[in-house]
Amino acid sequence: MSEQNNGKIGSIGWADLTVENASQLRDFYHKVVGWGTADVDMDGYSDFCMLESRTNNAVAGICHARGLNAEVRSARS
């Protein structure tokens, strides 16, 4: 992955979602927005970093609502 966008106007800084259907949401953003993905090993399953297609910058995280994340609410910054 390349460096973050350093807060450029109009760019995505980071969005983080913790949801039951993380794989489906990953596929949705890949198909509709064109973002790539990078798997994040979670010891038995993968969560995902979403990569902006033009720059390959990580712009979002999509996590399964399980394990330590079971009670985490979705958030963005």
PDB file of N, CA and C in Angstrom:
ATOM      1  N   MET A   1       0.835  -1.176   0.000  1.00  0.00           N
ATOM      2  CA  MET A   1       0.000   0.000   0.000  1.00  0.00           C
ATOM      3  C   MET A   1       0.881   1.241   0.000  1.00  0.00           C
ATOM      4  N   SER A   2       0.392   2.275  -0.595  1.00  0.00           N
ATOM      5  CA  SER A   2       1.157   3.513  -0.628  1.00  0.00           C
ATOM      6  C   SER A   2       0.800   4.383   0.574  1.00  0.00           C
ATOM      7  N   GLU A   3       1.411   5.552   0.660  1.00  0.00           N
ATOM      8  CA  GLU A   3       1.157   6.462   1.771  1.00  0.00           C
ATOM      9  C   GLU A   3      -0.269   6.982   1.745  1.00  0.00           C
ATOM     10  N   GLN A   4      -0.749   7.402   2.911  1.00  0.00           N
ATOM     11  CA  GLN A   4      -2.079   7.997   2.997  1.00  0.00           C
ATOM     12  C   GLN A   4      -2.096   9.314   2.243  1.00  0.00           C
ATOM     13  N   ASN A   5      -3.287   9.882   2.049  1.00  0.00           N
ATOM     14  CA  ASN A   5      -3.448  11.082   1.232  1.00  0.00           C
ATOM     15  C   ASN A   5      -3.094  12.367   1.953  1.00  0.00           C
ATOM     16  N   ASN A   6      -2.730  12.322   3.231  1.00  0.00           N
ATOM     17  CA  ASN A   6      -2.307  13.492   4.003  1.00  0.00           C
ATOM     18  C   ASN A   6      -3.350  14.604   4.033  1.00  0.00           C
ATOM     19  N   GLY A   7      -4.629  14.256   4.036  1.00  0.00           N
ATOM     20  CA  GLY A   7      -5.695  15.228   4.228  1.00  0.00           C
ATOM     21  C   GLY A   7      -5.975  16.145   3.064  1.00  0.00           C
ATOM     22  N   LYS A   8      -5.750  15.703   1.860  1.00  0.00           N
ATOM     23  CA  LYS A   8      -6.038  16.542   0.707  1.00  0.00           C
ATOM     24  C   LYS A   8      -7.535  16.789   0.611  1.00  0.00           C
ATOM     25  N   ILE A   9      -7.926  18.011   0.287  1.00  0.00           N
ATOM     26  CA  ILE A   9      -9.334  18.366   0.166  1.00  0.00           C
ATOM     27  C   ILE A   9     -10.007  17.477  -0.867  1.00  0.00           C
ATOM     28  N   GLY A  10     -11.155  16.926  -0.492  1.00  0.00           N
ATOM     29  CA  GLY A  10     -11.919  16.060  -1.378  1.00  0.00           C
ATOM     30  C   GLY A  10     -11.535  14.602  -1.300  1.00  0.00           C
ATOM     31  N   SER A  11     -10.551  14.271  -0.494  1.00  0.00           N
ATOM     32  CA  SER A  11     -10.122  12.888  -0.379  1.00  0.00           C
ATOM     33  C   SER A  11     -10.740  12.232   0.854  1.00  0.00           C
ATOM     34  N   ILE A  12     -10.755  10.933   0.843  1.00  0.00           N
ATOM     35  CA  ILE A  12     -11.255  10.179   1.983  1.00  0.00           C
ATOM     36  C   ILE A  12     -10.099   9.987   2.947  1.00  0.00           C
ATOM     37  N   GLY A  13     -10.311  10.361   4.209  1.00  0.00           N
ATOM     38  CA  GLY A  13      -9.275  10.175   5.215  1.00  0.00           C
ATOM     39  C   GLY A  13      -9.279   8.748   5.730  1.00  0.00           C
ATOM     40  N   TRP A  14     -10.418   8.269   6.164  1.00  0.00           N
ATOM     41  CA  TRP A  14     -10.573   6.892   6.625  1.00  0.00           C
ATOM     42  C   TRP A  14     -12.022   6.691   7.023  1.00  0.00           C
ATOM     43  N   ALA A  15     -12.563   5.560   6.694  1.00  0.00           N
ATOM     44  CA  ALA A  15     -13.881   5.133   7.156  1.00  0.00           C
ATOM     45  C   ALA A  15     -13.723   3.709   7.657  1.00  0.00           C
ATOM     46  N   ASP A  16     -14.355   3.403   8.772  1.00  0.00           N
ATOM     47  CA  ASP A  16     -14.217   2.083   9.362  1.00  0.00           C
ATOM     48  C   ASP A  16     -15.605   1.540   9.679  1.00  0.00           C
ATOM     49  N   LEU A  17     -15.900   0.355   9.194  1.00  0.00           N
ATOM     50  CA  LEU A  17     -17.196  -0.269   9.422  1.00  0.00           C
ATOM     51  C   LEU A  17     -17.005  -1.638  10.057  1.00  0.00           C
ATOM     52  N   THR A  18     -17.790  -1.932  11.063  1.00  0.00           N
ATOM     53  CA  THR A  18     -17.820  -3.252  11.671  1.00  0.00           C
ATOM     54  C   THR A  18     -19.239  -3.766  11.480  1.00  0.00           C
ATOM     55  N   VAL A  19     -19.373  -4.821  10.686  1.00  0.00           N
ATOM     56  CA  VAL A  19     -20.694  -5.293  10.274  1.00  0.00           C
ATOM     57  C   VAL A  19     -20.748  -6.818  10.253  1.00  0.00           C
ATOM     58  N   GLU A  20     -21.938  -7.350  10.272  1.00  0.00           N
ATOM     59  CA  GLU A  20     -22.136  -8.801  10.194  1.00  0.00           C
ATOM     60  C   GLU A  20     -21.718  -9.360   8.835  1.00  0.00           C
ATOM     61  N   ASN A  21     -21.960  -8.603   7.768  1.00  0.00           N
ATOM     62  CA  ASN A  21     -21.746  -9.086   6.398  1.00  0.00           C
ATOM     63  C   ASN A  21     -20.530  -8.410   5.747  1.00  0.00           C
ATOM     64  N   ALA A  22     -19.371  -8.487   6.391  1.00  0.00           N
ATOM     65  CA  ALA A  22     -18.177  -7.778   5.915  1.00  0.00           C
ATOM     66  C   ALA A  22     -17.774  -8.184   4.496  1.00  0.00           C
ATOM     67  N   SER A  23     -17.850  -9.457   4.165  1.00  0.00           N
ATOM     68  CA  SER A  23     -17.455  -9.902   2.822  1.00  0.00           C
ATOM     69  C   SER A  23     -18.389  -9.342   1.757  1.00  0.00           C
ATOM     70  N   GLN A  24     -19.677  -9.291   2.052  1.00  0.00           N
ATOM     71  CA  GLN A  24     -20.632  -8.732   1.093  1.00  0.00           C
ATOM     72  C   GLN A  24     -20.416  -7.235   0.917  1.00  0.00           C
ATOM     73  N   LEU A  25     -20.133  -6.537   2.009  1.00  0.00           N
ATOM     74  CA  LEU A  25     -19.889  -5.102   1.924  1.00  0.00           C
ATOM     75  C   LEU A  25     -18.596  -4.817   1.152  1.00  0.00           C
ATOM     76  N   ARG A  26     -17.563  -5.635   1.390  1.00  0.00           N
ATOM     77  CA  ARG A  26     -16.319  -5.521   0.622  1.00  0.00           C
ATOM     78  C   ARG A  26     -16.609  -5.658  -0.868  1.00  0.00           C
ATOM     79  N   ASP A  27     -17.387  -6.670  -1.243  1.00  0.00           N
ATOM     80  CA  ASP A  27     -17.719  -6.902  -2.650  1.00  0.00           C
ATOM     81  C   ASP A  27     -18.527  -5.746  -3.233  1.00  0.00           C
ATOM     82  N   PHE A  28     -19.431  -5.175  -2.429  1.00  0.00           N
ATOM     83  CA  PHE A  28     -20.235  -4.034  -2.874  1.00  0.00           C
ATOM     84  C   PHE A  28     -19.338  -2.852  -3.233  1.00  0.00           C
ATOM     85  N   TYR A  29     -18.439  -2.468  -2.321  1.00  0.00           N
ATOM     86  CA  TYR A  29     -17.567  -1.322  -2.587  1.00  0.00           C
ATOM     87  C   TYR A  29     -16.609  -1.597  -3.732  1.00  0.00           C
ATOM     88  N   HIS A  30     -16.181  -2.820  -3.882  1.00  0.00           N
ATOM     89  CA  HIS A  30     -15.330  -3.168  -5.015  1.00  0.00           C
ATOM     90  C   HIS A  30     -16.097  -2.990  -6.330  1.00  0.00           C
ATOM     91  N   LYS A  31     -17.322  -3.480  -6.367  1.00  0.00           N
ATOM     92  CA  LYS A  31     -18.118  -3.441  -7.593  1.00  0.00           C
ATOM     93  C   LYS A  31     -18.629  -2.035  -7.917  1.00  0.00           C
ATOM     94  N   VAL A  32     -19.140  -1.335  -6.927  1.00  0.00           N
ATOM     95  CA  VAL A  32     -19.794  -0.048  -7.174  1.00  0.00           C
ATOM     96  C   VAL A  32     -18.802   1.112  -7.231  1.00  0.00           C
ATOM     97  N   VAL A  33     -17.816   1.120  -6.335  1.00  0.00           N
ATOM     98  CA  VAL A  33     -16.878   2.239  -6.253  1.00  0.00           C
ATOM     99  C   VAL A  33     -15.565   1.933  -6.960  1.00  0.00           C
ATOM    100  N   GLY A  34     -15.262   0.647  -7.138  1.00  0.00           N
ATOM    101  CA  GLY A  34     -14.031   0.257  -7.812  1.00  0.00           C
ATOM    102  C   GLY A  34     -12.833   0.109  -6.897  1.00  0.00           C
ATOM    103  N   TRP A  35     -13.069   0.118  -5.575  1.00  0.00           N
ATOM    104  CA  TRP A  35     -11.971  -0.035  -4.647  1.00  0.00           C
ATOM    105  C   TRP A  35     -11.396  -1.437  -4.675  1.00  0.00           C
ATOM    106  N   GLY A  36     -10.088  -1.531  -4.536  1.00  0.00           N
ATOM    107  CA  GLY A  36      -9.425  -2.811  -4.371  1.00  0.00           C
ATOM    108  C   GLY A  36      -9.475  -3.222  -2.911  1.00  0.00           C
ATOM    109  N   THR A  37      -8.947  -4.390  -2.617  1.00  0.00           N
ATOM    110  CA  THR A  37      -8.976  -4.867  -1.244  1.00  0.00           C
ATOM    111  C   THR A  37      -7.643  -5.471  -0.840  1.00  0.00           C
ATOM    112  N   ALA A  38      -7.376  -5.418   0.444  1.00  0.00           N
ATOM    113  CA  ALA A  38      -6.240  -6.113   1.037  1.00  0.00           C
ATOM    114  C   ALA A  38      -6.774  -6.821   2.273  1.00  0.00           C
ATOM    115  N   ASP A  39      -6.569  -8.126   2.332  1.00  0.00           N
ATOM    116  CA  ASP A  39      -7.026  -8.895   3.485  1.00  0.00           C
ATOM    117  C   ASP A  39      -6.167  -8.587   4.705  1.00  0.00           C
ATOM    118  N   VAL A  40      -6.806  -8.584   5.869  1.00  0.00           N
ATOM    119  CA  VAL A  40      -6.128  -8.410   7.147  1.00  0.00           C
ATOM    120  C   VAL A  40      -6.405  -9.671   7.952  1.00  0.00           C
ATOM    121  N   ASP A  41      -5.375 -10.474   8.174  1.00  0.00           N
ATOM    122  CA  ASP A  41      -5.533 -11.740   8.872  1.00  0.00           C
ATOM    123  C   ASP A  41      -5.983 -11.511  10.314  1.00  0.00           C
ATOM    124  N   MET A  42      -7.077 -12.170  10.690  1.00  0.00           N
ATOM    125  CA  MET A  42      -7.627 -12.044  12.033  1.00  0.00           C
ATOM    126  C   MET A  42      -7.619 -13.390  12.750  1.00  0.00           C
ATOM    127  N   ASP A  43      -6.622 -14.225  12.461  1.00  0.00           N
ATOM    128  CA  ASP A  43      -6.466 -15.522  13.114  1.00  0.00           C
ATOM    129  C   ASP A  43      -7.684 -16.419  12.884  1.00  0.00           C
ATOM    130  N   GLY A  44      -7.878 -16.798  11.645  1.00  0.00           N
ATOM    131  CA  GLY A  44      -8.964 -17.699  11.292  1.00  0.00           C
ATOM    132  C   GLY A  44      -9.953 -17.122  10.297  1.00  0.00           C
ATOM    133  N   TYR A  45      -9.922 -15.835  10.118  1.00  0.00           N
ATOM    134  CA  TYR A  45     -10.746 -15.169   9.108  1.00  0.00           C
ATOM    135  C   TYR A  45     -10.049 -13.865   8.737  1.00  0.00           C
ATOM    136  N   SER A  46     -10.560 -13.192   7.726  1.00  0.00           N
ATOM    137  CA  SER A  46      -9.948 -11.933   7.295  1.00  0.00           C
ATOM    138  C   SER A  46     -10.932 -10.783   7.385  1.00  0.00           C
ATOM    139  N   ASP A  47     -10.457  -9.656   7.904  1.00  0.00           N
ATOM    140  CA  ASP A  47     -11.127  -8.381   7.736  1.00  0.00           C
ATOM    141  C   ASP A  47     -10.469  -7.734   6.521  1.00  0.00           C
ATOM    142  N   PHE A  48     -10.882  -6.517   6.158  1.00  0.00           N
ATOM    143  CA  PHE A  48     -10.425  -5.960   4.888  1.00  0.00           C
ATOM    144  C   PHE A  48     -10.059  -4.491   4.978  1.00  0.00           C
ATOM    145  N   CYS A  49      -8.983  -4.116   4.300  1.00  0.00           N
ATOM    146  CA  CYS A  49      -8.681  -2.719   4.006  1.00  0.00           C
ATOM    147  C   CYS A  49      -9.146  -2.478   2.579  1.00  0.00           C
ATOM    148  N   MET A  50      -9.819  -1.377   2.370  1.00  0.00           N
ATOM    149  CA  MET A  50     -10.280  -1.014   1.037  1.00  0.00           C
ATOM    150  C   MET A  50      -9.310   0.004   0.452  1.00  0.00           C
ATOM    151  N   LEU A  51      -8.914  -0.208  -0.792  1.00  0.00           N
ATOM    152  CA  LEU A  51      -7.885   0.591  -1.444  1.00  0.00           C
ATOM    153  C   LEU A  51      -8.482   1.431  -2.560  1.00  0.00           C
ATOM    154  N   GLU A  52      -8.278   2.738  -2.484  1.00  0.00           N
ATOM    155  CA  GLU A  52      -8.757   3.645  -3.518  1.00  0.00           C
ATOM    156  C   GLU A  52      -8.095   3.259  -4.831  1.00  0.00           C
ATOM    157  N   SER A  53      -8.884   3.132  -5.877  1.00  0.00           N
ATOM    158  CA  SER A  53      -8.391   2.545  -7.122  1.00  0.00           C
ATOM    159  C   SER A  53      -7.317   3.369  -7.826  1.00  0.00           C
ATOM    160  N   ARG A  54      -7.403   4.676  -7.774  1.00  0.00           N
ATOM    161  CA  ARG A  54      -6.453   5.511  -8.505  1.00  0.00           C
ATOM    162  C   ARG A  54      -5.084   5.549  -7.840  1.00  0.00           C
ATOM    163  N   THR A  55      -5.069   5.617  -6.491  1.00  0.00           N
ATOM    164  CA  THR A  55      -3.816   5.792  -5.764  1.00  0.00           C
ATOM    165  C   THR A  55      -3.359   4.541  -5.022  1.00  0.00           C
ATOM    166  N   ASN A  56      -4.257   3.587  -4.849  1.00  0.00           N
ATOM    167  CA  ASN A  56      -4.005   2.383  -4.060  1.00  0.00           C
ATOM    168  C   ASN A  56      -3.829   2.688  -2.577  1.00  0.00           C
ATOM    169  N   ASN A  57      -4.263   3.893  -2.136  1.00  0.00           N
ATOM    170  CA  ASN A  57      -4.229   4.246  -0.721  1.00  0.00           C
ATOM    171  C   ASN A  57      -5.333   3.501   0.014  1.00  0.00           C
ATOM    172  N   ALA A  58      -5.037   3.047   1.225  1.00  0.00           N
ATOM    173  CA  ALA A  58      -6.055   2.454   2.083  1.00  0.00           C
ATOM    174  C   ALA A  58      -6.968   3.575   2.566  1.00  0.00           C
ATOM    175  N   VAL A  59      -8.273   3.454   2.294  1.00  0.00           N
ATOM    176  CA  VAL A  59      -9.220   4.507   2.651  1.00  0.00           C
ATOM    177  C   VAL A  59     -10.315   4.038   3.591  1.00  0.00           C
ATOM    178  N   ALA A  60     -10.407   2.735   3.818  1.00  0.00           N
ATOM    179  CA  ALA A  60     -11.471   2.232   4.678  1.00  0.00           C
ATOM    180  C   ALA A  60     -11.117   0.861   5.216  1.00  0.00           C
ATOM    181  N   GLY A  61     -11.705   0.551   6.347  1.00  0.00           N
ATOM    182  CA  GLY A  61     -11.601  -0.783   6.907  1.00  0.00           C
ATOM    183  C   GLY A  61     -12.986  -1.369   7.043  1.00  0.00           C
ATOM    184  N   ILE A  62     -13.129  -2.626   6.693  1.00  0.00           N
ATOM    185  CA  ILE A  62     -14.396  -3.336   6.862  1.00  0.00           C
ATOM    186  C   ILE A  62     -14.096  -4.566   7.704  1.00  0.00           C
ATOM    187  N   CYS A  63     -14.711  -4.609   8.878  1.00  0.00           N
ATOM    188  CA  CYS A  63     -14.427  -5.665   9.848  1.00  0.00           C
ATOM    189  C   CYS A  63     -15.677  -6.489  10.118  1.00  0.00           C
ATOM    190  N   HIS A  64     -15.462  -7.782  10.348  1.00  0.00           N
ATOM    191  CA  HIS A  64     -16.554  -8.652  10.770  1.00  0.00           C
ATOM    192  C   HIS A  64     -16.911  -8.335  12.222  1.00  0.00           C
ATOM    193  N   ALA A  65     -18.174  -8.341  12.537  1.00  0.00           N
ATOM    194  CA  ALA A  65     -18.644  -8.119  13.912  1.00  0.00           C
ATOM    195  C   ALA A  65     -18.567  -9.446  14.659  1.00  0.00           C
ATOM    196  N   ARG A  66     -17.353  -9.845  14.989  1.00  0.00           N
ATOM    197  CA  ARG A  66     -17.130 -11.087  15.734  1.00  0.00           C
ATOM    198  C   ARG A  66     -15.869 -10.945  16.565  1.00  0.00           C
ATOM    199  N   GLY A  67     -15.634 -11.894  17.449  1.00  0.00           N
ATOM    200  CA  GLY A  67     -14.455 -11.838  18.308  1.00  0.00           C
ATOM    201  C   GLY A  67     -14.423 -10.548  19.094  1.00  0.00           C
ATOM    202  N   LEU A  68     -13.260  -9.909  19.138  1.00  0.00           N
ATOM    203  CA  LEU A  68     -13.124  -8.650  19.865  1.00  0.00           C
ATOM    204  C   LEU A  68     -13.968  -7.531  19.270  1.00  0.00           C
ATOM    205  N   ASN A  69     -14.348  -7.658  18.009  1.00  0.00           N
ATOM    206  CA  ASN A  69     -15.165  -6.637  17.348  1.00  0.00           C
ATOM    207  C   ASN A  69     -16.662  -6.861  17.473  1.00  0.00           C
ATOM    208  N   ALA A  70     -17.077  -7.885  18.171  1.00  0.00           N
ATOM    209  CA  ALA A  70     -18.504  -8.245  18.233  1.00  0.00           C
ATOM    210  C   ALA A  70     -19.385  -7.109  18.733  1.00  0.00           C
ATOM    211  N   GLU A  71     -18.879  -6.310  19.643  1.00  0.00           N
ATOM    212  CA  GLU A  71     -19.680  -5.219  20.228  1.00  0.00           C
ATOM    213  C   GLU A  71     -19.282  -3.831  19.715  1.00  0.00           C
ATOM    214  N   VAL A  72     -18.354  -3.778  18.770  1.00  0.00           N
ATOM    215  CA  VAL A  72     -17.894  -2.490  18.260  1.00  0.00           C
ATOM    216  C   VAL A  72     -18.926  -1.896  17.312  1.00  0.00           C
ATOM    217  N   ARG A  73     -19.247  -0.639  17.532  1.00  0.00           N
ATOM    218  CA  ARG A  73     -20.169   0.055  16.624  1.00  0.00           C
ATOM    219  C   ARG A  73     -19.383   0.613  15.444  1.00  0.00           C
ATOM    220  N   SER A  74     -20.026   0.745  14.300  1.00  0.00           N
ATOM    221  CA  SER A  74     -19.382   1.347  13.135  1.00  0.00           C
ATOM    222  C   SER A  74     -19.014   2.796  13.468  1.00  0.00           C
ATOM    223  N   ALA A  75     -17.879   3.235  12.936  1.00  0.00           N
ATOM    224  CA  ALA A  75     -17.417   4.600  13.198  1.00  0.00           C
ATOM    225  C   ALA A  75     -16.680   5.124  11.986  1.00  0.00           C
ATOM    226  N   ARG A  76     -16.555   6.437  11.920  1.00  0.00           N
ATOM    227  CA  ARG A  76     -15.753   7.054  10.863  1.00  0.00           C
ATOM    228  C   ARG A  76     -15.028   8.251  11.449  1.00  0.00           C
ATOM    229  N   SER A  77     -13.906   8.584  10.846  1.00  0.00           N
ATOM    230  CA  SER A  77     -13.147   9.728  11.344  1.00  0.00           C
ATOM    231  C   SER A  77     -12.696  10.596  10.192  1.00  0.00           C
TER     232      SER A  77
END
